[in-house]
């Protein structure tokens, strides 16, 4: 058994999938929304889902290197499903709740102009829409395939 991390295609596929998706977020935002947002490279949410890209790249690479009928592939698939569900469900709902809380916070700040209320904005871009997750999955599958193809 080879324990050399430098030759571990699933590890590198997941890492490159995640970091690659993070890196391209500002460029996709520029192309789609015509605004430059370099901070997206270091935040959650946005197009594509980097979490999805990472877990799909991992599962793709494991499937290519040791097979889809293995325990490792099953673990990666379950881990991926939980991660994707969290990104589209729980984290997205938390982001929507943060939007409402921020709106209420603005209203309270106006009501309490005497300074008794300090307005604090919550981060609203936490989760992902279906298109963001879908594009993350496509990006992850491509990265997983390419990294594994060139490393093995």
N, C-alpha and C. Protein backbone atom coordinates (compact mmCIF):
# COMPACT_ATOMS: atom_id res chain seq x y z
N UNK A 1 0.84 -1.19 0.00
CA UNK A 1 0.00 0.00 0.00
C UNK A 1 0.89 1.25 0.00
N UNK A 2 0.59 2.15 -0.92
CA UNK A 2 1.38 3.37 -1.06
C UNK A 2 0.76 4.47 -0.20
N UNK A 3 1.51 4.98 0.75
CA UNK A 3 1.03 6.04 1.65
C UNK A 3 1.58 7.41 1.29
N UNK A 4 2.06 7.58 0.07
CA UNK A 4 2.64 8.85 -0.37
C UNK A 4 1.51 9.83 -0.74
N UNK A 5 1.33 10.90 0.07
CA UNK A 5 0.27 11.87 -0.15
C UNK A 5 0.43 12.57 -1.50
N UNK A 6 1.65 12.69 -1.98
CA UNK A 6 1.89 13.37 -3.26
C UNK A 6 1.33 12.58 -4.44
N UNK A 7 1.06 11.30 -4.24
CA UNK A 7 0.51 10.46 -5.32
C UNK A 7 -0.93 10.05 -5.04
N UNK A 8 -1.55 10.68 -4.08
CA UNK A 8 -2.92 10.35 -3.70
C UNK A 8 -3.89 11.18 -4.55
N UNK A 9 -4.32 10.59 -5.67
CA UNK A 9 -5.19 11.30 -6.62
C UNK A 9 -6.50 11.78 -5.98
N UNK A 10 -7.19 10.96 -5.17
CA UNK A 10 -8.43 11.47 -4.56
C UNK A 10 -8.21 12.70 -3.67
N UNK A 11 -7.12 12.70 -2.91
CA UNK A 11 -6.81 13.85 -2.06
C UNK A 11 -6.61 15.10 -2.91
N UNK A 12 -5.80 14.99 -3.96
CA UNK A 12 -5.51 16.15 -4.81
C UNK A 12 -6.72 16.57 -5.62
N UNK A 13 -7.53 15.61 -6.04
CA UNK A 13 -8.74 15.95 -6.78
C UNK A 13 -9.68 16.78 -5.89
N UNK A 14 -9.89 16.34 -4.66
CA UNK A 14 -10.76 17.06 -3.73
C UNK A 14 -10.19 18.45 -3.43
N UNK A 15 -8.90 18.53 -3.17
CA UNK A 15 -8.26 19.80 -2.85
C UNK A 15 -8.34 20.78 -4.02
N UNK A 16 -8.00 20.29 -5.20
CA UNK A 16 -8.03 21.16 -6.39
C UNK A 16 -9.47 21.52 -6.75
N UNK A 17 -10.40 20.58 -6.58
CA UNK A 17 -11.81 20.87 -6.85
C UNK A 17 -12.32 21.99 -5.95
N UNK A 18 -12.05 21.88 -4.65
CA UNK A 18 -12.50 22.89 -3.70
C UNK A 18 -11.84 24.23 -3.96
N UNK A 19 -10.51 24.25 -4.01
CA UNK A 19 -9.78 25.51 -4.19
C UNK A 19 -10.03 26.13 -5.56
N UNK A 20 -10.14 25.28 -6.58
CA UNK A 20 -10.42 25.78 -7.92
C UNK A 20 -11.77 26.47 -7.99
N UNK A 21 -12.79 25.86 -7.38
CA UNK A 21 -14.12 26.47 -7.36
C UNK A 21 -14.10 27.79 -6.60
N UNK A 22 -13.38 27.84 -5.49
CA UNK A 22 -13.26 29.09 -4.74
C UNK A 22 -12.60 30.16 -5.60
N UNK A 23 -11.54 29.78 -6.31
CA UNK A 23 -10.78 30.73 -7.11
C UNK A 23 -11.61 31.34 -8.24
N UNK A 24 -12.48 30.54 -8.87
CA UNK A 24 -13.22 31.04 -10.03
C UNK A 24 -14.49 31.81 -9.67
N UNK A 25 -14.90 31.80 -8.40
CA UNK A 25 -16.12 32.50 -8.00
C UNK A 25 -16.13 33.98 -8.40
N UNK A 26 -15.07 34.75 -8.13
CA UNK A 26 -15.11 36.16 -8.52
C UNK A 26 -15.23 36.36 -10.03
N UNK A 27 -14.62 35.47 -10.81
CA UNK A 27 -14.65 35.60 -12.26
C UNK A 27 -16.04 35.25 -12.82
N UNK A 28 -16.68 34.26 -12.23
CA UNK A 28 -18.04 33.92 -12.65
C UNK A 28 -19.00 35.04 -12.26
N UNK A 29 -18.81 35.62 -11.09
CA UNK A 29 -19.64 36.75 -10.67
C UNK A 29 -19.43 37.93 -11.61
N UNK A 30 -18.21 38.16 -12.02
CA UNK A 30 -17.93 39.24 -12.97
C UNK A 30 -18.64 38.99 -14.30
N UNK A 31 -18.60 37.74 -14.78
CA UNK A 31 -19.24 37.42 -16.05
C UNK A 31 -20.77 37.47 -15.97
N UNK A 32 -21.34 36.99 -14.86
CA UNK A 32 -22.80 36.91 -14.75
C UNK A 32 -23.45 38.19 -14.23
N UNK A 33 -22.80 38.86 -13.29
CA UNK A 33 -23.40 40.02 -12.64
C UNK A 33 -22.69 41.33 -12.96
N UNK A 34 -21.63 41.28 -13.74
CA UNK A 34 -20.86 42.46 -14.15
C UNK A 34 -20.35 43.26 -12.96
N UNK A 35 -19.89 42.54 -11.93
CA UNK A 35 -19.27 43.20 -10.78
C UNK A 35 -18.09 42.35 -10.31
N UNK A 36 -17.04 43.02 -9.90
CA UNK A 36 -15.84 42.34 -9.43
C UNK A 36 -15.93 42.20 -7.92
N UNK A 37 -15.92 40.96 -7.43
CA UNK A 37 -16.05 40.69 -6.00
C UNK A 37 -14.96 39.71 -5.57
N UNK A 38 -13.72 40.17 -5.43
CA UNK A 38 -12.62 39.25 -5.10
C UNK A 38 -12.79 38.56 -3.76
N UNK A 39 -13.56 39.14 -2.84
CA UNK A 39 -13.80 38.52 -1.54
C UNK A 39 -14.52 37.19 -1.63
N UNK A 40 -15.21 36.94 -2.73
CA UNK A 40 -15.92 35.67 -2.90
C UNK A 40 -14.96 34.48 -2.92
N UNK A 41 -13.72 34.72 -3.28
CA UNK A 41 -12.73 33.64 -3.29
C UNK A 41 -12.44 33.12 -1.89
N UNK A 42 -12.84 33.89 -0.88
CA UNK A 42 -12.55 33.52 0.50
C UNK A 42 -13.80 33.39 1.36
N UNK A 43 -14.98 33.27 0.71
CA UNK A 43 -16.21 33.20 1.49
C UNK A 43 -17.08 32.02 1.05
N UNK A 44 -18.11 31.76 1.84
CA UNK A 44 -19.05 30.70 1.50
C UNK A 44 -20.12 31.24 0.57
N UNK A 45 -20.84 30.34 -0.07
CA UNK A 45 -21.89 30.73 -0.98
C UNK A 45 -21.33 31.11 -2.34
N UNK A 46 -22.21 31.38 -3.27
CA UNK A 46 -21.80 31.81 -4.60
C UNK A 46 -21.69 30.67 -5.59
N UNK A 47 -21.39 31.05 -6.83
CA UNK A 47 -21.32 30.12 -7.95
C UNK A 47 -19.88 29.87 -8.31
N UNK A 48 -19.45 28.62 -8.39
CA UNK A 48 -20.13 27.37 -8.08
C UNK A 48 -19.92 27.00 -6.60
N UNK A 49 -20.63 25.99 -6.16
CA UNK A 49 -20.45 25.51 -4.79
C UNK A 49 -19.12 24.79 -4.67
N UNK A 50 -18.20 25.35 -3.91
CA UNK A 50 -16.88 24.72 -3.75
C UNK A 50 -16.96 23.47 -2.89
N UNK A 51 -17.89 23.45 -1.93
CA UNK A 51 -18.05 22.24 -1.12
C UNK A 51 -18.50 21.08 -2.01
N UNK A 52 -19.47 21.36 -2.87
CA UNK A 52 -19.94 20.33 -3.79
C UNK A 52 -18.83 19.90 -4.74
N UNK A 53 -18.09 20.86 -5.27
CA UNK A 53 -17.00 20.54 -6.19
C UNK A 53 -15.97 19.62 -5.52
N UNK A 54 -15.63 19.91 -4.28
CA UNK A 54 -14.65 19.10 -3.56
C UNK A 54 -15.11 17.68 -3.31
N UNK A 55 -16.36 17.52 -2.83
CA UNK A 55 -16.82 16.17 -2.52
C UNK A 55 -17.10 15.35 -3.78
N UNK A 56 -17.55 16.00 -4.84
CA UNK A 56 -17.77 15.27 -6.10
C UNK A 56 -16.44 14.89 -6.74
N UNK A 57 -15.45 15.78 -6.67
CA UNK A 57 -14.12 15.44 -7.18
C UNK A 57 -13.54 14.26 -6.40
N UNK A 58 -13.72 14.26 -5.09
CA UNK A 58 -13.24 13.16 -4.26
C UNK A 58 -13.90 11.84 -4.66
N UNK A 59 -15.22 11.83 -4.75
CA UNK A 59 -15.94 10.59 -5.10
C UNK A 59 -15.58 10.13 -6.51
N UNK A 60 -15.47 11.06 -7.44
CA UNK A 60 -15.10 10.71 -8.82
C UNK A 60 -13.74 10.05 -8.86
N UNK A 61 -12.79 10.64 -8.16
CA UNK A 61 -11.43 10.10 -8.16
C UNK A 61 -11.36 8.74 -7.47
N UNK A 62 -12.07 8.58 -6.37
CA UNK A 62 -12.10 7.28 -5.69
C UNK A 62 -12.72 6.23 -6.60
N UNK A 63 -13.81 6.59 -7.27
CA UNK A 63 -14.44 5.66 -8.19
C UNK A 63 -13.51 5.25 -9.32
N UNK A 64 -12.72 6.19 -9.81
CA UNK A 64 -11.78 5.88 -10.90
C UNK A 64 -10.58 5.07 -10.44
N UNK A 65 -10.10 5.33 -9.22
CA UNK A 65 -8.87 4.68 -8.78
C UNK A 65 -9.10 3.30 -8.17
N UNK A 66 -10.13 3.15 -7.33
CA UNK A 66 -10.31 1.84 -6.69
C UNK A 66 -11.66 1.22 -6.96
N UNK A 67 -12.53 1.96 -7.65
CA UNK A 67 -13.81 1.38 -8.06
C UNK A 67 -15.01 1.92 -7.31
N UNK A 68 -16.15 1.87 -7.98
CA UNK A 68 -17.40 2.38 -7.42
C UNK A 68 -18.06 1.39 -6.46
N UNK A 69 -17.58 0.16 -6.44
CA UNK A 69 -18.16 -0.84 -5.54
C UNK A 69 -17.42 -0.96 -4.22
N UNK A 70 -16.56 0.00 -3.92
CA UNK A 70 -15.75 -0.08 -2.71
C UNK A 70 -16.38 0.66 -1.54
N UNK A 71 -15.94 0.31 -0.35
CA UNK A 71 -16.40 1.00 0.85
C UNK A 71 -15.98 2.47 0.80
N UNK A 72 -14.80 2.75 0.31
CA UNK A 72 -14.32 4.14 0.24
C UNK A 72 -15.23 4.98 -0.65
N UNK A 73 -15.68 4.42 -1.76
CA UNK A 73 -16.59 5.17 -2.64
C UNK A 73 -17.93 5.40 -1.95
N UNK A 74 -18.41 4.39 -1.24
CA UNK A 74 -19.67 4.54 -0.50
C UNK A 74 -19.55 5.64 0.56
N UNK A 75 -18.45 5.66 1.27
CA UNK A 75 -18.22 6.70 2.28
C UNK A 75 -18.18 8.07 1.62
N UNK A 76 -17.44 8.20 0.52
CA UNK A 76 -17.35 9.48 -0.18
C UNK A 76 -18.72 9.91 -0.71
N UNK A 77 -19.51 8.96 -1.20
CA UNK A 77 -20.84 9.28 -1.70
C UNK A 77 -21.77 9.76 -0.60
N UNK A 78 -21.75 9.09 0.54
CA UNK A 78 -22.59 9.52 1.68
C UNK A 78 -22.13 10.86 2.22
N UNK A 79 -20.83 11.04 2.35
CA UNK A 79 -20.25 12.31 2.79
C UNK A 79 -20.65 13.42 1.83
N UNK A 80 -20.58 13.13 0.54
CA UNK A 80 -20.97 14.11 -0.47
C UNK A 80 -22.43 14.48 -0.40
N UNK A 81 -23.29 13.48 -0.23
CA UNK A 81 -24.73 13.73 -0.16
C UNK A 81 -25.07 14.61 1.04
N UNK A 82 -24.46 14.34 2.17
CA UNK A 82 -24.69 15.15 3.37
C UNK A 82 -24.20 16.58 3.16
N UNK A 83 -23.03 16.72 2.57
CA UNK A 83 -22.45 18.05 2.32
C UNK A 83 -23.34 18.85 1.37
N UNK A 84 -23.80 18.22 0.30
CA UNK A 84 -24.64 18.90 -0.69
C UNK A 84 -25.99 19.25 -0.08
N UNK A 85 -26.57 18.35 0.68
CA UNK A 85 -27.85 18.63 1.35
C UNK A 85 -27.70 19.81 2.30
N UNK A 86 -26.62 19.84 3.04
CA UNK A 86 -26.37 20.94 3.97
C UNK A 86 -26.24 22.27 3.22
N UNK A 87 -25.51 22.25 2.10
CA UNK A 87 -25.30 23.48 1.33
C UNK A 87 -26.60 24.03 0.77
N UNK A 88 -27.46 23.15 0.26
CA UNK A 88 -28.71 23.60 -0.36
C UNK A 88 -29.83 23.80 0.65
N UNK A 89 -29.76 23.11 1.77
CA UNK A 89 -30.86 23.17 2.72
C UNK A 89 -30.59 24.04 3.91
N UNK A 90 -29.85 23.52 4.85
CA UNK A 90 -29.65 24.17 6.14
C UNK A 90 -28.93 25.50 6.01
N UNK A 91 -27.80 25.52 5.30
CA UNK A 91 -27.04 26.76 5.18
C UNK A 91 -27.79 27.81 4.37
N UNK A 92 -28.53 27.37 3.35
CA UNK A 92 -29.31 28.32 2.55
C UNK A 92 -30.42 28.94 3.40
N UNK A 93 -31.09 28.11 4.21
CA UNK A 93 -32.15 28.62 5.09
C UNK A 93 -31.57 29.60 6.11
N UNK A 94 -30.40 29.30 6.64
CA UNK A 94 -29.76 30.21 7.60
C UNK A 94 -29.45 31.55 6.94
N UNK A 95 -29.04 31.53 5.69
CA UNK A 95 -28.78 32.77 4.96
C UNK A 95 -30.03 33.59 4.76
N UNK A 96 -31.14 32.93 4.45
CA UNK A 96 -32.41 33.64 4.29
C UNK A 96 -32.86 34.24 5.62
N UNK A 97 -32.68 33.50 6.71
CA UNK A 97 -33.03 34.03 8.02
C UNK A 97 -32.17 35.24 8.35
N UNK A 98 -30.89 35.20 7.98
CA UNK A 98 -30.00 36.33 8.23
C UNK A 98 -30.47 37.58 7.48
N UNK A 99 -31.00 37.40 6.26
CA UNK A 99 -31.52 38.54 5.51
C UNK A 99 -32.67 39.21 6.26
N UNK A 100 -33.58 38.41 6.80
CA UNK A 100 -34.72 38.95 7.55
C UNK A 100 -34.24 39.64 8.82
N UNK A 101 -33.33 39.02 9.54
CA UNK A 101 -32.80 39.61 10.77
C UNK A 101 -32.09 40.93 10.47
N UNK A 102 -31.34 40.98 9.37
CA UNK A 102 -30.67 42.23 8.99
C UNK A 102 -31.68 43.33 8.68
N UNK A 103 -32.79 42.97 8.04
CA UNK A 103 -33.83 43.95 7.74
C UNK A 103 -34.43 44.47 9.03
N UNK A 104 -34.76 43.57 9.96
CA UNK A 104 -35.30 43.99 11.26
C UNK A 104 -34.30 44.86 12.02
N UNK A 105 -33.03 44.50 11.90
CA UNK A 105 -31.98 45.25 12.57
C UNK A 105 -31.94 46.69 12.06
N UNK A 106 -32.11 46.86 10.75
CA UNK A 106 -32.14 48.21 10.17
C UNK A 106 -33.32 49.01 10.70
N UNK A 107 -34.47 48.35 10.79
CA UNK A 107 -35.67 49.02 11.30
C UNK A 107 -35.46 49.43 12.76
N UNK A 108 -34.90 48.53 13.57
CA UNK A 108 -34.65 48.86 14.98
C UNK A 108 -33.64 49.99 15.13
N UNK A 109 -32.64 50.02 14.26
CA UNK A 109 -31.65 51.09 14.32
C UNK A 109 -32.29 52.44 14.05
N UNK A 110 -33.27 52.47 13.13
CA UNK A 110 -33.98 53.72 12.83
C UNK A 110 -34.87 54.14 14.00
N UNK A 111 -35.51 53.16 14.63
CA UNK A 111 -36.40 53.46 15.76
C UNK A 111 -35.59 53.99 16.94
N UNK A 112 -34.44 53.38 17.20
CA UNK A 112 -33.61 53.74 18.36
C UNK A 112 -32.44 54.61 17.92
N UNK A 113 -32.77 55.79 17.44
CA UNK A 113 -31.72 56.71 16.99
C UNK A 113 -30.89 57.25 18.14
N UNK A 114 -31.33 57.00 19.38
CA UNK A 114 -30.61 57.49 20.55
C UNK A 114 -29.35 56.67 20.83
N UNK A 115 -29.11 55.60 20.04
CA UNK A 115 -27.90 54.80 20.20
C UNK A 115 -28.03 53.61 21.12
N UNK A 116 -29.23 53.33 21.63
CA UNK A 116 -29.41 52.20 22.53
C UNK A 116 -29.36 50.86 21.79
N UNK A 117 -29.51 50.94 20.47
CA UNK A 117 -29.45 49.70 19.67
C UNK A 117 -28.30 49.82 18.69
N UNK A 118 -27.41 48.83 18.72
CA UNK A 118 -26.27 48.82 17.79
C UNK A 118 -26.57 47.80 16.69
N UNK A 119 -26.62 48.29 15.47
CA UNK A 119 -26.94 47.43 14.35
C UNK A 119 -25.73 46.56 13.98
N UNK A 120 -25.98 45.28 13.78
CA UNK A 120 -24.93 44.35 13.37
C UNK A 120 -25.49 43.50 12.24
N UNK A 121 -24.79 43.48 11.13
CA UNK A 121 -25.26 42.70 9.99
C UNK A 121 -24.72 41.28 10.05
N UNK A 122 -25.61 40.32 9.77
CA UNK A 122 -25.23 38.91 9.70
C UNK A 122 -24.89 38.55 8.26
N UNK A 123 -24.02 37.58 8.10
CA UNK A 123 -23.65 37.11 6.77
C UNK A 123 -24.85 36.39 6.16
N UNK A 124 -25.24 36.80 4.96
CA UNK A 124 -26.43 36.23 4.33
C UNK A 124 -26.11 35.20 3.25
N UNK A 125 -24.92 35.24 2.69
CA UNK A 125 -24.59 34.31 1.62
C UNK A 125 -23.90 33.08 2.22
N UNK A 126 -24.70 32.17 2.73
CA UNK A 126 -24.17 30.99 3.40
C UNK A 126 -24.34 29.73 2.56
N UNK A 127 -25.47 29.57 1.94
CA UNK A 127 -25.79 28.34 1.24
C UNK A 127 -25.79 28.52 -0.27
N UNK A 128 -26.36 27.53 -0.95
CA UNK A 128 -26.33 27.51 -2.41
C UNK A 128 -27.69 27.19 -3.00
N UNK A 129 -27.92 27.73 -4.18
CA UNK A 129 -29.10 27.38 -4.97
C UNK A 129 -28.79 26.10 -5.74
N UNK A 130 -29.83 25.50 -6.31
CA UNK A 130 -29.61 24.29 -7.10
C UNK A 130 -28.63 24.52 -8.25
N UNK A 131 -28.74 25.62 -9.04
CA UNK A 131 -27.77 25.82 -10.12
C UNK A 131 -26.32 25.93 -9.61
N UNK A 132 -26.12 26.54 -8.46
CA UNK A 132 -24.77 26.66 -7.90
C UNK A 132 -24.22 25.30 -7.52
N UNK A 133 -25.07 24.45 -6.94
CA UNK A 133 -24.66 23.10 -6.56
C UNK A 133 -24.43 22.25 -7.82
N UNK A 134 -25.31 22.38 -8.79
CA UNK A 134 -25.18 21.62 -10.03
C UNK A 134 -23.86 21.96 -10.74
N UNK A 135 -23.57 23.25 -10.84
CA UNK A 135 -22.30 23.67 -11.47
C UNK A 135 -21.10 23.21 -10.65
N UNK A 136 -21.22 23.23 -9.33
CA UNK A 136 -20.15 22.71 -8.48
C UNK A 136 -19.93 21.23 -8.72
N UNK A 137 -21.02 20.48 -8.90
CA UNK A 137 -20.91 19.04 -9.17
C UNK A 137 -20.25 18.79 -10.52
N UNK A 138 -20.63 19.55 -11.54
CA UNK A 138 -20.00 19.40 -12.85
C UNK A 138 -18.51 19.73 -12.79
N UNK A 139 -18.20 20.84 -12.12
CA UNK A 139 -16.79 21.24 -11.98
C UNK A 139 -16.01 20.17 -11.21
N UNK A 140 -16.59 19.67 -10.13
CA UNK A 140 -15.93 18.64 -9.33
C UNK A 140 -15.71 17.35 -10.10
N UNK A 141 -16.70 16.93 -10.87
CA UNK A 141 -16.56 15.71 -11.66
C UNK A 141 -15.45 15.88 -12.70
N UNK A 142 -15.40 17.04 -13.34
CA UNK A 142 -14.36 17.31 -14.33
C UNK A 142 -12.97 17.31 -13.68
N UNK A 143 -12.85 18.01 -12.57
CA UNK A 143 -11.56 18.06 -11.85
C UNK A 143 -11.17 16.67 -11.38
N UNK A 144 -12.11 15.95 -10.79
CA UNK A 144 -11.82 14.59 -10.32
C UNK A 144 -11.33 13.69 -11.44
N UNK A 145 -12.00 13.78 -12.58
CA UNK A 145 -11.60 12.97 -13.73
C UNK A 145 -10.21 13.37 -14.22
N UNK A 146 -9.99 14.67 -14.43
CA UNK A 146 -8.71 15.12 -14.99
C UNK A 146 -7.53 14.85 -14.05
N UNK A 147 -7.70 15.16 -12.77
CA UNK A 147 -6.61 14.92 -11.82
C UNK A 147 -6.26 13.44 -11.77
N UNK A 148 -7.28 12.61 -11.68
CA UNK A 148 -7.05 11.17 -11.58
C UNK A 148 -6.45 10.62 -12.88
N UNK A 149 -6.95 11.09 -14.01
CA UNK A 149 -6.44 10.65 -15.30
C UNK A 149 -4.95 10.96 -15.45
N UNK A 150 -4.57 12.16 -15.05
CA UNK A 150 -3.16 12.56 -15.21
C UNK A 150 -2.25 12.04 -14.11
N UNK A 151 -2.81 11.67 -12.97
CA UNK A 151 -1.97 11.16 -11.87
C UNK A 151 -1.80 9.64 -11.89
N UNK A 152 -2.69 8.93 -12.56
CA UNK A 152 -2.59 7.47 -12.54
C UNK A 152 -2.18 6.93 -13.89
